[in-house]
């Protein structure tokens, strides 16, 4: 059975970069990190979720690839990019990346986006990322993610403060 056109686009993008045959389509949804981990049989931490933010002043798209086990600290991201940020809405994400939320891959977007990779992903031997649809994923090593995206490794995971409720 042929891949969904969006998954085919991601497969072609990966193949052009020497990573052919990586995309798999699953019968279960991989829209959320928890769903993806369950469908794949890996930990939630191994899911590389692609989150699109929007600069409040510039209106530019900013991509953060984070472990499924963490939340992104938007204040820290704002410091890094030099302006306040907000989570992008579905229309903005589709316009900027060419993919819908729940299937946004870490690279291969309509327009290349400034990309930040949350540092805990770099400590894992293997990670999984969306491949264009809520049912398609691909496996890669953190260093391959760095090469594919040209992203910057940063500490943007929210830190839990046990003194706050």
Protein backbone atom coordinates (compact mmCIF):
# COMPACT_ATOMS: atom_id res chain seq x y z
CA UNK A 1 0.00 0.00 0.00
CA UNK A 2 1.55 3.36 -1.00
CA UNK A 3 2.23 6.00 1.62
CA UNK A 4 0.03 9.04 2.11
CA UNK A 5 1.37 11.87 -0.16
CA UNK A 6 2.74 13.79 2.87
CA UNK A 7 4.58 10.69 4.11
CA UNK A 8 5.93 10.19 0.57
CA UNK A 9 7.26 13.77 0.66
CA UNK A 10 9.07 13.08 3.92
CA UNK A 11 10.43 9.75 2.61
CA UNK A 12 11.74 11.53 -0.51
CA UNK A 13 13.32 14.28 1.61
CA UNK A 14 15.07 11.68 3.78
CA UNK A 15 16.18 9.61 0.76
CA UNK A 16 17.75 12.72 -0.82
CA UNK A 17 19.81 13.03 2.36
CA UNK A 18 21.00 9.42 2.43
CA UNK A 19 18.32 8.09 4.78
CA UNK A 20 15.99 6.07 2.53
CA UNK A 21 13.42 3.57 3.76
CA UNK A 22 12.93 5.15 7.18
CA UNK A 23 9.26 6.15 7.05
CA UNK A 24 6.69 3.71 8.39
CA UNK A 25 2.93 4.12 8.57
CA UNK A 26 1.11 2.71 11.56
CA UNK A 27 -2.56 1.82 11.94
CA UNK A 28 -2.67 3.64 15.30
CA UNK A 29 -2.52 7.42 15.63
CA UNK A 30 0.81 8.99 16.48
CA UNK A 31 -0.68 12.50 16.84
CA UNK A 32 0.47 12.90 20.45
CA UNK A 33 3.76 11.83 22.00
CA UNK A 34 1.96 9.31 24.22
CA UNK A 35 0.06 7.81 21.26
CA UNK A 36 3.25 7.64 19.20
CA UNK A 37 5.25 5.94 21.96
CA UNK A 38 2.51 3.36 22.45
CA UNK A 39 2.17 2.67 18.71
CA UNK A 40 5.94 2.37 18.20
CA UNK A 41 6.79 0.60 21.44
CA UNK A 42 9.29 3.15 22.71
CA UNK A 43 9.33 5.61 25.62
CA UNK A 44 7.58 8.98 25.45
CA UNK A 45 11.01 10.58 25.91
CA UNK A 46 12.12 9.06 22.56
CA UNK A 47 9.42 10.92 20.64
CA UNK A 48 10.83 14.02 18.95
CA UNK A 49 7.83 16.32 18.76
CA UNK A 50 7.98 19.21 16.31
CA UNK A 51 6.37 22.30 17.84
CA UNK A 52 5.83 25.47 15.85
CA UNK A 53 5.85 28.79 17.68
CA UNK A 54 5.13 32.24 16.30
CA UNK A 55 7.14 35.34 17.16
CA UNK A 56 4.63 37.85 18.55
CA UNK A 57 6.41 40.87 17.05
CA UNK A 58 7.88 39.49 13.83
CA UNK A 59 5.18 36.92 13.06
CA UNK A 60 7.92 34.49 12.03
CA UNK A 61 7.66 30.75 12.53
CA UNK A 62 10.10 29.08 14.94
CA UNK A 63 10.44 25.31 15.21
CA UNK A 64 11.32 23.56 18.47
CA UNK A 65 11.98 19.84 18.40
CA UNK A 66 11.53 18.53 21.92
CA UNK A 67 11.35 15.23 23.70
CA UNK A 68 7.80 14.01 24.20
CA UNK A 69 8.54 13.87 27.93
CA UNK A 70 9.10 17.62 28.37
CA UNK A 71 7.22 20.87 28.01
CA UNK A 72 8.90 23.81 26.30
CA UNK A 73 9.63 26.83 28.50
CA UNK A 74 8.24 29.62 26.31
CA UNK A 75 9.97 32.34 28.35
CA UNK A 76 13.34 30.66 27.79
CA UNK A 77 12.60 30.26 24.07
CA UNK A 78 11.65 33.95 23.89
CA UNK A 79 15.05 34.85 25.40
CA UNK A 80 16.80 32.75 22.75
CA UNK A 81 14.90 34.19 19.78
CA UNK A 82 14.80 37.77 21.06
CA UNK A 83 11.03 38.26 21.19
CA UNK A 84 7.95 36.91 22.95
CA UNK A 85 6.57 33.71 21.40
CA UNK A 86 3.26 31.87 21.36
CA UNK A 87 2.16 28.43 20.19
CA UNK A 88 1.11 28.70 16.56
CA UNK A 89 -2.44 27.83 15.51
CA UNK A 90 -3.25 25.03 13.07
CA UNK A 91 -3.58 27.29 10.01
CA UNK A 92 -0.24 28.99 10.67
CA UNK A 93 1.49 25.61 11.16
CA UNK A 94 0.10 24.23 7.89
CA UNK A 95 0.98 27.41 5.96
CA UNK A 96 4.55 27.54 7.29
CA UNK A 97 5.41 23.83 7.17
CA UNK A 98 3.04 22.28 4.64
CA UNK A 99 1.94 19.77 7.28
CA UNK A 100 -0.88 19.57 9.84
CA UNK A 101 -0.33 19.54 13.60
CA UNK A 102 0.19 15.94 14.71
CA UNK A 103 2.22 15.07 11.61
CA UNK A 104 4.81 17.86 11.36
CA UNK A 105 8.24 16.33 10.67
CA UNK A 106 11.41 17.93 12.04
CA UNK A 107 12.59 18.94 8.54
CA UNK A 108 11.44 19.03 4.92
CA UNK A 109 9.04 21.93 5.39
CA UNK A 110 7.68 24.22 2.70
CA UNK A 111 9.99 26.94 3.99
CA UNK A 112 13.06 26.15 6.12
CA UNK A 113 12.41 27.32 9.68
CA UNK A 114 14.84 28.48 12.37
CA UNK A 115 15.12 25.30 14.42
CA UNK A 116 15.96 24.65 18.06
CA UNK A 117 16.50 21.14 19.39
CA UNK A 118 15.77 20.61 23.06
CA UNK A 119 18.95 19.19 24.60
CA UNK A 120 17.57 16.06 26.30
CA UNK A 121 16.90 14.55 22.86
CA UNK A 122 20.64 14.50 22.23
CA UNK A 123 21.21 12.09 25.14
CA UNK A 124 19.11 9.27 23.65
CA UNK A 125 20.47 6.49 21.42
CA UNK A 126 17.42 6.51 19.13
CA UNK A 127 14.46 8.84 18.60
CA UNK A 128 11.27 8.82 16.52
CA UNK A 129 9.75 11.76 14.66
CA UNK A 130 6.54 12.45 12.75
CA UNK A 131 6.72 11.83 9.01
CA UNK A 132 3.99 14.02 7.55
CA UNK A 133 0.78 12.50 8.92
CA UNK A 134 -0.64 11.46 12.32
CA UNK A 135 0.08 7.83 11.33
CA UNK A 136 3.61 8.10 9.85
CA UNK A 137 6.91 8.17 11.74
CA UNK A 138 10.59 7.59 11.16
CA UNK A 139 13.49 6.48 13.36
CA UNK A 140 16.77 8.35 13.61
CA UNK A 141 19.71 9.06 15.87
CA UNK A 142 20.02 12.49 17.54
CA UNK A 143 23.08 13.37 15.48
CA UNK A 144 21.08 12.64 12.31
CA UNK A 145 18.39 15.02 13.58
CA UNK A 146 21.02 17.70 13.99
CA UNK A 147 22.30 17.14 10.44
CA UNK A 148 18.81 17.04 8.89
CA UNK A 149 17.59 20.21 10.55
CA UNK A 150 20.71 22.33 10.95
CA UNK A 151 19.15 23.14 14.31
CA UNK A 152 20.73 24.58 17.43
CA UNK A 153 20.79 22.43 20.58
CA UNK A 154 19.34 24.45 23.46
CA UNK A 155 18.00 24.01 26.98
CA UNK A 156 14.33 24.97 26.67
CA UNK A 157 12.70 22.25 28.77
CA UNK A 158 10.46 23.57 31.52
CA UNK A 159 12.05 22.89 34.88
CA UNK A 160 9.69 21.66 37.56
CA UNK A 161 9.96 23.77 40.69
CA UNK A 162 8.85 21.62 43.66
CA UNK A 163 8.24 24.79 45.72
CA UNK A 164 5.49 25.96 43.33
CA UNK A 165 2.06 24.42 43.17
